[in-house]
Amino acid sequence: MDEPDERLELLIGRQLYLAHRYARAATNRALRAHRIDLRHFGVLGRLAESGPAAQSTLVDELQMDKSSMVYVIDELERQDLVNRRRDEHDRRRYTIHLTAGGRARLAEATETAAETMTKLVDPLSPTEQRRLHTLLGRFIDHAAQSA
């Protein structure tokens, strides 16, 4: 892996990019059975974890652009997985709520996503998996603070 003409940080950047692409593609393929993809999965998961949220909050927390978020929420609403309700505190705004169907779909999709990631990290020992998790967490925290 040592390539004298390239800096280590550039090699790491390339590896992160490829790891993201492979993990995203594998998980999206697996989630097709649930008629969602990772974008939908992220919104459903956020709503299940923290409760209803304004669309702008979801955009910020999930790092999606506004037009993509509108599209994702429209798709989730068509499938009756979420619904939009007027915000109790600001009638000009809508809050996105998870439906019972959304909660059920998320539970099924979570199992599928976990199985997919288990297969992807299989070459790593449990200790290496924990270390990767720790290192990626530190990387993400630093990148988020630098943004």
Protein backbone atom coordinates (compact mmCIF):
# COMPACT_ATOMS: atom_id res chain seq x y z
CA MET A 1 0.00 0.00 0.00
CA ASP A 2 3.02 2.30 0.40
CA GLU A 3 3.14 4.47 -2.67
CA PRO A 4 6.05 6.90 -2.32
CA ASP A 5 4.55 9.47 -4.67
CA GLU A 6 1.29 9.87 -2.74
CA ARG A 7 0.74 11.34 0.68
CA LEU A 8 -0.86 9.08 3.26
CA GLU A 9 -3.80 11.45 3.83
CA LEU A 10 -4.66 11.27 0.12
CA LEU A 11 -4.61 7.48 0.24
CA ILE A 12 -6.86 7.55 3.32
CA GLY A 13 -9.20 9.95 1.54
CA ARG A 14 -9.46 7.58 -1.41
CA GLN A 15 -10.08 4.64 0.93
CA LEU A 16 -12.81 6.51 2.79
CA TYR A 17 -14.44 7.41 -0.51
CA LEU A 18 -14.37 3.81 -1.77
CA ALA A 19 -15.49 2.39 1.59
CA HIS A 20 -18.45 4.78 1.53
CA ARG A 21 -19.34 3.86 -2.05
CA TYR A 22 -19.21 0.09 -1.42
CA ALA A 23 -21.12 0.28 1.87
CA ARG A 24 -23.76 2.58 0.41
CA ALA A 25 -24.28 0.45 -2.70
CA ALA A 26 -24.51 -2.81 -0.73
CA THR A 27 -26.94 -1.35 1.80
CA ASN A 28 -29.11 0.32 -0.85
CA ARG A 29 -29.33 -3.00 -2.73
CA ALA A 30 -30.41 -4.76 0.45
CA LEU A 31 -32.91 -2.05 1.42
CA ARG A 32 -34.70 -2.28 -1.95
CA ALA A 33 -36.64 -5.21 -0.50
CA HIS A 34 -38.20 -2.67 1.91
CA ARG A 35 -38.83 -0.09 -0.84
CA ILE A 36 -36.45 2.43 0.73
CA ASP A 37 -32.81 3.49 0.43
CA LEU A 38 -30.28 4.92 2.88
CA ARG A 39 -31.72 8.43 2.62
CA HIS A 40 -35.15 7.15 3.70
CA PHE A 41 -33.53 4.93 6.32
CA GLY A 42 -31.69 7.94 7.78
CA VAL A 43 -34.86 10.05 8.05
CA LEU A 44 -36.87 7.20 9.57
CA GLY A 45 -34.08 6.42 12.02
CA ARG A 46 -33.71 10.05 13.10
CA LEU A 47 -37.46 10.37 13.69
CA ALA A 48 -37.57 7.11 15.66
CA GLU A 49 -34.61 8.19 17.82
CA SER A 50 -35.50 11.79 18.58
CA GLY A 51 -39.13 12.26 17.66
CA PRO A 52 -40.85 14.62 15.24
CA ALA A 53 -38.72 17.28 13.58
CA ALA A 54 -38.99 20.22 11.26
CA GLN A 55 -37.81 19.53 7.74
CA SER A 56 -35.03 22.12 8.18
CA THR A 57 -33.81 20.27 11.29
CA LEU A 58 -33.65 17.02 9.33
CA VAL A 59 -31.71 18.77 6.55
CA ASP A 60 -29.13 20.02 9.06
CA GLU A 61 -28.82 16.86 11.13
CA LEU A 62 -28.67 14.44 8.19
CA GLN A 63 -26.50 16.68 6.01
CA MET A 64 -28.88 16.53 3.03
CA ASP A 65 -29.74 19.34 0.68
CA LYS A 66 -33.24 20.84 0.93
CA SER A 67 -34.55 19.60 -2.41
CA SER A 68 -33.40 16.03 -1.71
CA MET A 69 -35.07 16.14 1.69
CA VAL A 70 -38.37 17.30 0.15
CA TYR A 71 -38.18 14.41 -2.33
CA VAL A 72 -37.39 11.84 0.41
CA ILE A 73 -40.17 13.06 2.69
CA ASP A 74 -42.63 13.07 -0.23
CA GLU A 75 -41.71 9.44 -0.97
CA LEU A 76 -42.00 8.43 2.69
CA GLU A 77 -45.36 10.19 2.95
CA ARG A 78 -46.65 8.42 -0.20
CA GLN A 79 -45.80 5.12 1.48
CA ASP A 80 -47.52 6.28 4.70
CA LEU A 81 -44.27 5.96 6.66
CA VAL A 82 -44.29 9.60 7.81
CA ASN A 83 -46.74 12.46 7.81
CA ARG A 84 -46.47 16.22 7.85
CA ARG A 85 -48.30 18.15 10.54
CA ARG A 86 -48.48 21.84 11.29
CA ASP A 87 -45.95 22.79 13.93
CA GLU A 88 -47.71 23.48 17.24
CA HIS A 89 -45.44 26.47 17.95
CA ASP A 90 -45.12 27.93 14.45
CA ARG A 91 -48.16 27.48 12.18
CA ARG A 92 -46.06 28.44 9.11
CA ARG A 93 -43.92 25.34 9.57
CA TYR A 94 -44.56 21.62 9.25
CA THR A 95 -43.20 18.91 11.48
CA ILE A 96 -42.42 15.43 10.17
CA HIS A 97 -43.83 12.56 12.25
CA LEU A 98 -43.10 8.85 12.03
CA THR A 99 -46.19 6.68 11.53
CA ALA A 100 -46.75 3.19 12.97
CA GLY A 101 -46.08 1.83 9.48
CA GLY A 102 -42.83 3.79 9.36
CA ARG A 103 -41.75 2.37 12.69
CA ALA A 104 -42.48 -1.17 11.51
CA ARG A 105 -40.69 -0.67 8.18
CA LEU A 106 -37.70 0.83 9.99
CA ALA A 107 -37.47 -2.21 12.30
CA GLU A 108 -37.42 -4.58 9.30
CA ALA A 109 -34.96 -2.42 7.37
CA THR A 110 -32.68 -2.11 10.40
CA GLU A 111 -32.29 -5.90 10.51
CA THR A 112 -31.45 -5.93 6.81
CA ALA A 113 -28.94 -3.08 7.11
CA ALA A 114 -27.28 -4.76 10.10
CA GLU A 115 -26.93 -8.04 8.18
CA THR A 116 -25.39 -6.17 5.26
CA MET A 117 -22.85 -4.35 7.44
CA THR A 118 -22.01 -7.59 9.26
CA LYS A 119 -21.04 -9.11 5.92
CA LEU A 120 -18.99 -6.06 4.95
CA VAL A 121 -16.95 -5.97 8.17
CA ASP A 122 -16.56 -9.75 8.32
CA PRO A 123 -12.84 -9.67 7.36
CA LEU A 124 -12.14 -7.62 10.51
CA SER A 125 -11.85 -9.16 13.96
CA PRO A 126 -14.24 -7.88 16.65
CA THR A 127 -11.34 -5.87 18.11
CA GLU A 128 -10.57 -4.35 14.70
CA GLN A 129 -14.27 -3.53 14.20
CA ARG A 130 -14.38 -1.68 17.53
CA ARG A 131 -11.16 0.16 16.65
CA LEU A 132 -12.52 1.15 13.23
CA HIS A 133 -15.70 2.39 14.91
CA THR A 134 -13.68 4.49 17.35
CA LEU A 135 -11.40 5.93 14.67
CA LEU A 136 -14.26 6.79 12.33
CA GLY A 137 -16.12 8.44 15.21
CA ARG A 138 -13.11 10.63 15.97
CA PHE A 139 -12.70 11.45 12.27
CA ILE A 140 -16.40 12.41 11.94
CA ASP A 141 -16.37 14.52 15.11
CA HIS A 142 -13.31 16.42 13.92
CA ALA A 143 -14.71 16.90 10.42
CA ALA A 144 -18.03 18.14 11.83
CA GLN A 145 -16.26 20.69 14.04
CA SER A 146 -14.14 21.84 11.11
CA ALA A 147 -17.12 22.33 8.80
